[in-house]
Amino acid sequence: MRGRGTSGAASPQIRTILALAAALCVGGCGYSLQGNLPDHIKSVAVPVFRNRTTEPGVESTISSAVVNAFTTNGKLRVVSLDAADSMLEGEIIGFEVQSLAFDSRLNLRSYRLAVTMNVRFRDLKKSAMLWEQQGLREVVDFQVAGQVADTVSREEGAVKQAAVEIGRKVVNHAVDRF
């Protein structure tokens, strides 16, 4: 004699209840399986982010990377503030370079760069906050194989790499969150 629930296949009623429960959970959390922005949002403005760190120029690099990520993604046109349906604004609140590894002569050979930001995505047509993320952090490790000038050059490359990753994350949040 077979015990209840051991057949390996759920009854149609149980499948229906599970499907309804899943739909209610997804709907109740405010998420959609489609990942669409509100219909009226077709464009975004990305003002240069504020730099609250002592690292000069990092705001331009990160802002440019975010604009490039929106352009590459293609779901929103990047336009000027006066023509935009939405606005993505941010501030860079942390910029840290840490030593990771030394060679046999105690020369630094590996570093870790961490950039931390606060980001806000606003619906300008409805004067509403779409989302906000405090403390968005991106970490990039980079190697140095030479003189101090190499370190500076590698750090600039690491900032650009971190900026690209930040741009991707921010755009994914902006266009796929709904």
C-alpha atoms as a PDB file:
ATOM      1  CA  MET A   1       0.000   0.000   0.000  1.00  0.00           C
ATOM      2  CA  ARG A   2       1.300   3.396  -0.956  1.00  0.00           C
ATOM      3  CA  GLY A   3       1.490   6.170   1.651  1.00  0.00           C
ATOM      4  CA  ARG A   4      -0.001   9.604   1.079  1.00  0.00           C
ATOM      5  CA  GLY A   5       2.242  12.200  -0.548  1.00  0.00           C
ATOM      6  CA  THR A   6       4.878   9.746  -1.761  1.00  0.00           C
ATOM      7  CA  SER A   7       3.769   9.458  -5.361  1.00  0.00           C
ATOM      8  CA  GLY A   8       6.304  12.077  -6.480  1.00  0.00           C
ATOM      9  CA  ALA A   9       3.704  14.135  -8.366  1.00  0.00           C
ATOM     10  CA  ALA A  10       1.573  16.858  -6.797  1.00  0.00           C
ATOM     11  CA  SER A  11      -2.157  16.805  -7.351  1.00  0.00           C
ATOM     12  CA  PRO A  12      -3.642  19.480  -9.631  1.00  0.00           C
ATOM     13  CA  GLN A  13      -5.178  21.224  -6.595  1.00  0.00           C
ATOM     14  CA  ILE A  14      -1.836  21.410  -4.795  1.00  0.00           C
ATOM     15  CA  ARG A  15      -0.123  22.732  -7.932  1.00  0.00           C
ATOM     16  CA  THR A  16      -2.826  25.408  -8.284  1.00  0.00           C
ATOM     17  CA  ILE A  17      -2.472  26.448  -4.624  1.00  0.00           C
ATOM     18  CA  LEU A  18       1.333  26.605  -4.934  1.00  0.00           C
ATOM     19  CA  ALA A  19       1.095  28.675  -8.121  1.00  0.00           C
ATOM     20  CA  LEU A  20      -1.340  31.119  -6.478  1.00  0.00           C
ATOM     21  CA  ALA A  21       0.859  31.369  -3.376  1.00  0.00           C
ATOM     22  CA  ALA A  22       3.917  32.101  -5.514  1.00  0.00           C
ATOM     23  CA  ALA A  23       2.015  34.762  -7.472  1.00  0.00           C
ATOM     24  CA  LEU A  24       0.809  36.402  -4.261  1.00  0.00           C
ATOM     25  CA  CYS A  25       4.320  36.388  -2.771  1.00  0.00           C
ATOM     26  CA  VAL A  26       5.832  37.958  -5.867  1.00  0.00           C
ATOM     27  CA  GLY A  27       3.014  40.484  -6.171  1.00  0.00           C
ATOM     28  CA  GLY A  28       3.052  41.261  -2.461  1.00  0.00           C
ATOM     29  CA  CYS A  29       6.757  42.034  -2.473  1.00  0.00           C
ATOM     30  CA  GLY A  30       6.326  44.746  -5.104  1.00  0.00           C
ATOM     31  CA  TYR A  31       8.320  42.864  -7.715  1.00  0.00           C
ATOM     32  CA  SER A  32       7.328  41.998 -11.215  1.00  0.00           C
ATOM     33  CA  LEU A  33       8.628  39.133 -13.285  1.00  0.00           C
ATOM     34  CA  GLN A  34       8.824  41.492 -16.274  1.00  0.00           C
ATOM     35  CA  GLY A  35      11.318  43.978 -14.844  1.00  0.00           C
ATOM     36  CA  ASN A  36       9.740  46.995 -16.549  1.00  0.00           C
ATOM     37  CA  LEU A  37      10.025  50.631 -15.609  1.00  0.00           C
ATOM     38  CA  PRO A  38       6.838  52.683 -15.297  1.00  0.00           C
ATOM     39  CA  ASP A  39       5.491  53.279 -18.833  1.00  0.00           C
ATOM     40  CA  HIS A  40       5.979  57.046 -18.778  1.00  0.00           C
ATOM     41  CA  ILE A  41       9.731  56.820 -18.068  1.00  0.00           C
ATOM     42  CA  LYS A  42      11.638  56.775 -21.349  1.00  0.00           C
ATOM     43  CA  SER A  43      14.635  58.985 -20.512  1.00  0.00           C
ATOM     44  CA  VAL A  44      17.050  59.701 -17.697  1.00  0.00           C
ATOM     45  CA  ALA A  45      19.304  62.588 -16.707  1.00  0.00           C
ATOM     46  CA  VAL A  46      22.564  61.772 -14.938  1.00  0.00           C
ATOM     47  CA  PRO A  47      24.122  64.881 -13.383  1.00  0.00           C
ATOM     48  CA  VAL A  48      27.761  64.589 -12.355  1.00  0.00           C
ATOM     49  CA  PHE A  49      27.828  62.848  -8.995  1.00  0.00           C
ATOM     50  CA  ARG A  50      28.943  64.728  -5.905  1.00  0.00           C
ATOM     51  CA  ASN A  51      32.360  63.850  -4.580  1.00  0.00           C
ATOM     52  CA  ARG A  52      32.419  63.771  -0.781  1.00  0.00           C
ATOM     53  CA  THR A  53      35.912  62.243  -0.730  1.00  0.00           C
ATOM     54  CA  THR A  54      39.356  63.763  -1.009  1.00  0.00           C
ATOM     55  CA  GLU A  55      40.057  61.845  -4.251  1.00  0.00           C
ATOM     56  CA  PRO A  56      40.053  64.398  -7.097  1.00  0.00           C
ATOM     57  CA  GLY A  57      38.179  63.592 -10.304  1.00  0.00           C
ATOM     58  CA  VAL A  58      36.607  60.302  -9.219  1.00  0.00           C
ATOM     59  CA  GLU A  59      33.116  61.811  -9.642  1.00  0.00           C
ATOM     60  CA  SER A  60      33.688  62.419 -13.361  1.00  0.00           C
ATOM     61  CA  THR A  61      34.935  58.883 -13.963  1.00  0.00           C
ATOM     62  CA  ILE A  62      32.011  57.255 -12.166  1.00  0.00           C
ATOM     63  CA  SER A  63      29.368  59.583 -13.657  1.00  0.00           C
ATOM     64  CA  SER A  64      30.694  58.884 -17.164  1.00  0.00           C
ATOM     65  CA  ALA A  65      30.596  55.135 -16.514  1.00  0.00           C
ATOM     66  CA  VAL A  66      26.964  55.330 -15.378  1.00  0.00           C
ATOM     67  CA  VAL A  67      25.993  57.324 -18.483  1.00  0.00           C
ATOM     68  CA  ASN A  68      27.812  54.773 -20.647  1.00  0.00           C
ATOM     69  CA  ALA A  69      26.021  51.891 -18.894  1.00  0.00           C
ATOM     70  CA  PHE A  70      22.608  53.519 -19.547  1.00  0.00           C
ATOM     71  CA  THR A  71      23.558  54.066 -23.190  1.00  0.00           C
ATOM     72  CA  THR A  72      24.745  50.484 -23.594  1.00  0.00           C
ATOM     73  CA  ASN A  73      21.653  49.083 -21.856  1.00  0.00           C
ATOM     74  CA  GLY A  74      19.352  50.967 -24.234  1.00  0.00           C
ATOM     75  CA  LYS A  75      16.195  50.949 -22.082  1.00  0.00           C
ATOM     76  CA  LEU A  76      16.441  54.657 -21.233  1.00  0.00           C
ATOM     77  CA  ARG A  77      17.774  57.513 -23.342  1.00  0.00           C
ATOM     78  CA  VAL A  78      20.264  59.729 -21.523  1.00  0.00           C
ATOM     79  CA  VAL A  79      19.142  63.348 -21.944  1.00  0.00           C
ATOM     80  CA  SER A  80      19.572  66.728 -20.279  1.00  0.00           C
ATOM     81  CA  LEU A  81      17.773  67.382 -17.010  1.00  0.00           C
ATOM     82  CA  ASP A  82      15.143  69.668 -18.573  1.00  0.00           C
ATOM     83  CA  ALA A  83      14.139  66.942 -21.090  1.00  0.00           C
ATOM     84  CA  ALA A  84      14.238  63.930 -18.717  1.00  0.00           C
ATOM     85  CA  ASP A  85      11.436  61.768 -17.325  1.00  0.00           C
ATOM     86  CA  SER A  86      13.717  60.551 -14.534  1.00  0.00           C
ATOM     87  CA  MET A  87      16.971  61.453 -12.852  1.00  0.00           C
ATOM     88  CA  LEU A  88      19.712  59.332 -11.355  1.00  0.00           C
ATOM     89  CA  GLU A  89      21.837  61.234  -8.890  1.00  0.00           C
ATOM     90  CA  GLY A  90      24.579  60.084  -6.631  1.00  0.00           C
ATOM     91  CA  GLU A  91      27.317  61.009  -4.258  1.00  0.00           C
ATOM     92  CA  ILE A  92      30.624  59.275  -3.700  1.00  0.00           C
ATOM     93  CA  ILE A  93      31.104  58.941   0.036  1.00  0.00           C
ATOM     94  CA  GLY A  94      34.064  56.608   0.248  1.00  0.00           C
ATOM     95  CA  PHE A  95      37.277  55.986  -1.646  1.00  0.00           C
ATOM     96  CA  GLU A  96      39.794  53.642  -0.032  1.00  0.00           C
ATOM     97  CA  VAL A  97      42.987  52.086  -1.312  1.00  0.00           C
ATOM     98  CA  GLN A  98      44.316  49.269   0.866  1.00  0.00           C
ATOM     99  CA  SER A  99      47.614  47.404   0.651  1.00  0.00           C
ATOM    100  CA  LEU A 100      47.134  43.694   0.038  1.00  0.00           C
ATOM    101  CA  ALA A 101      50.453  42.032  -0.809  1.00  0.00           C
ATOM    102  CA  PHE A 102      54.170  42.690  -0.668  1.00  0.00           C
ATOM    103  CA  ASP A 103      57.062  41.087  -2.544  1.00  0.00           C
ATOM    104  CA  SER A 104      60.205  39.651  -0.911  1.00  0.00           C
ATOM    105  CA  ARG A 105      61.751  43.156  -0.721  1.00  0.00           C
ATOM    106  CA  LEU A 106      58.639  44.514   1.024  1.00  0.00           C
ATOM    107  CA  ASN A 107      57.519  46.490  -2.025  1.00  0.00           C
ATOM    108  CA  LEU A 108      53.751  46.744  -2.378  1.00  0.00           C
ATOM    109  CA  ARG A 109      52.517  44.618  -5.268  1.00  0.00           C
ATOM    110  CA  SER A 110      48.768  44.344  -4.761  1.00  0.00           C
ATOM    111  CA  TYR A 111      46.104  46.818  -3.723  1.00  0.00           C
ATOM    112  CA  ARG A 112      42.354  46.850  -3.144  1.00  0.00           C
ATOM    113  CA  LEU A 113      40.241  49.826  -4.193  1.00  0.00           C
ATOM    114  CA  ALA A 114      36.813  50.281  -2.588  1.00  0.00           C
ATOM    115  CA  VAL A 115      34.382  52.973  -3.754  1.00  0.00           C
ATOM    116  CA  THR A 116      31.190  53.641  -1.763  1.00  0.00           C
ATOM    117  CA  MET A 117      28.230  55.696  -3.004  1.00  0.00           C
ATOM    118  CA  ASN A 118      24.696  56.783  -2.222  1.00  0.00           C
ATOM    119  CA  VAL A 119      22.389  56.669  -5.267  1.00  0.00           C
ATOM    120  CA  ARG A 120      18.839  57.948  -5.876  1.00  0.00           C
ATOM    121  CA  PHE A 121      16.576  57.351  -8.870  1.00  0.00           C
ATOM    122  CA  ARG A 122      13.704  59.838  -9.143  1.00  0.00           C
ATOM    123  CA  ASP A 123      10.597  59.994 -11.287  1.00  0.00           C
ATOM    124  CA  LEU A 124      10.590  63.646 -12.383  1.00  0.00           C
ATOM    125  CA  LYS A 125       7.129  63.499 -13.992  1.00  0.00           C
ATOM    126  CA  LYS A 126       5.420  62.306 -10.798  1.00  0.00           C
ATOM    127  CA  SER A 127       7.872  63.910  -8.339  1.00  0.00           C
ATOM    128  CA  ALA A 128       8.474  60.564  -6.661  1.00  0.00           C
ATOM    129  CA  MET A 129      11.460  58.583  -5.443  1.00  0.00           C
ATOM    130  CA  LEU A 130      11.663  55.330  -7.411  1.00  0.00           C
ATOM    131  CA  TRP A 131      14.478  53.862  -5.316  1.00  0.00           C
ATOM    132  CA  GLU A 132      17.411  54.827  -3.206  1.00  0.00           C
ATOM    133  CA  GLN A 133      20.456  52.850  -2.174  1.00  0.00           C
ATOM    134  CA  GLN A 134      22.789  53.978   0.546  1.00  0.00           C
ATOM    135  CA  GLY A 135      26.289  52.551   0.699  1.00  0.00           C
ATOM    136  CA  LEU A 136      26.548  50.951  -2.749  1.00  0.00           C
ATOM    137  CA  ARG A 137      30.078  49.557  -2.642  1.00  0.00           C
ATOM    138  CA  GLU A 138      32.334  48.225  -5.385  1.00  0.00           C
ATOM    139  CA  VAL A 139      35.714  46.628  -4.705  1.00  0.00           C
ATOM    140  CA  VAL A 140      38.471  46.060  -7.290  1.00  0.00           C
ATOM    141  CA  ASP A 141      41.885  44.485  -6.675  1.00  0.00           C
ATOM    142  CA  PHE A 142      44.842  45.540  -8.803  1.00  0.00           C
ATOM    143  CA  GLN A 143      48.477  44.501  -9.167  1.00  0.00           C
ATOM    144  CA  VAL A 144      51.563  46.693  -9.433  1.00  0.00           C
ATOM    145  CA  ALA A 145      54.753  45.433 -11.028  1.00  0.00           C
ATOM    146  CA  GLY A 146      57.127  48.345 -10.961  1.00  0.00           C
ATOM    147  CA  GLN A 147      57.799  51.869  -9.822  1.00  0.00           C
ATOM    148  CA  VAL A 148      55.526  54.351  -8.053  1.00  0.00           C
ATOM    149  CA  ALA A 149      54.403  55.713 -11.443  1.00  0.00           C
ATOM    150  CA  ASP A 150      53.074  52.230 -12.242  1.00  0.00           C
ATOM    151  CA  THR A 151      51.067  52.285  -9.014  1.00  0.00           C
ATOM    152  CA  VAL A 152      49.402  55.575  -9.951  1.00  0.00           C
ATOM    153  CA  SER A 153      48.618  54.292 -13.441  1.00  0.00           C
ATOM    154  CA  ARG A 154      47.220  51.010 -12.107  1.00  0.00           C
ATOM    155  CA  GLU A 155      45.115  52.862  -9.538  1.00  0.00           C
ATOM    156  CA  GLU A 156      43.580  54.993 -12.294  1.00  0.00           C
ATOM    157  CA  GLY A 157      42.784  51.794 -14.192  1.00  0.00           C
ATOM    158  CA  ALA A 158      41.244  50.272 -11.065  1.00  0.00           C
ATOM    159  CA  VAL A 159      39.059  53.372 -10.593  1.00  0.00           C
ATOM    160  CA  LYS A 160      37.831  53.020 -14.183  1.00  0.00           C
ATOM    161  CA  GLN A 161      37.158  49.309 -13.689  1.00  0.00           C
ATOM    162  CA  ALA A 162      35.260  49.984 -10.453  1.00  0.00           C
ATOM    163  CA  ALA A 163      33.316  52.744 -12.211  1.00  0.00           C
ATOM    164  CA  VAL A 164      32.230  50.352 -14.986  1.00  0.00           C
ATOM    165  CA  GLU A 165      30.984  47.846 -12.394  1.00  0.00           C
ATOM    166  CA  ILE A 166      29.205  50.588 -10.433  1.00  0.00           C
ATOM    167  CA  GLY A 167      27.598  51.820 -13.667  1.00  0.00           C
ATOM    168  CA  ARG A 168      26.308  48.328 -14.443  1.00  0.00           C
ATOM    169  CA  LYS A 169      24.934  47.830 -10.935  1.00  0.00           C
ATOM    170  CA  VAL A 170      23.220  51.214 -10.871  1.00  0.00           C
ATOM    171  CA  VAL A 171      21.621  50.753 -14.295  1.00  0.00           C
ATOM    172  CA  ASN A 172      20.461  47.235 -13.412  1.00  0.00           C
ATOM    173  CA  HIS A 173      18.805  48.605 -10.281  1.00  0.00           C
ATOM    174  CA  ALA A 174      17.224  51.442 -12.223  1.00  0.00           C
ATOM    175  CA  VAL A 175      15.761  49.503 -15.147  1.00  0.00           C
ATOM    176  CA  ASP A 176      15.179  46.020 -13.726  1.00  0.00           C
ATOM    177  CA  ARG A 177      13.897  46.804 -10.250  1.00  0.00           C
ATOM    178  CA  PHE A 178      10.226  47.181 -11.162  1.00  0.00           C
END
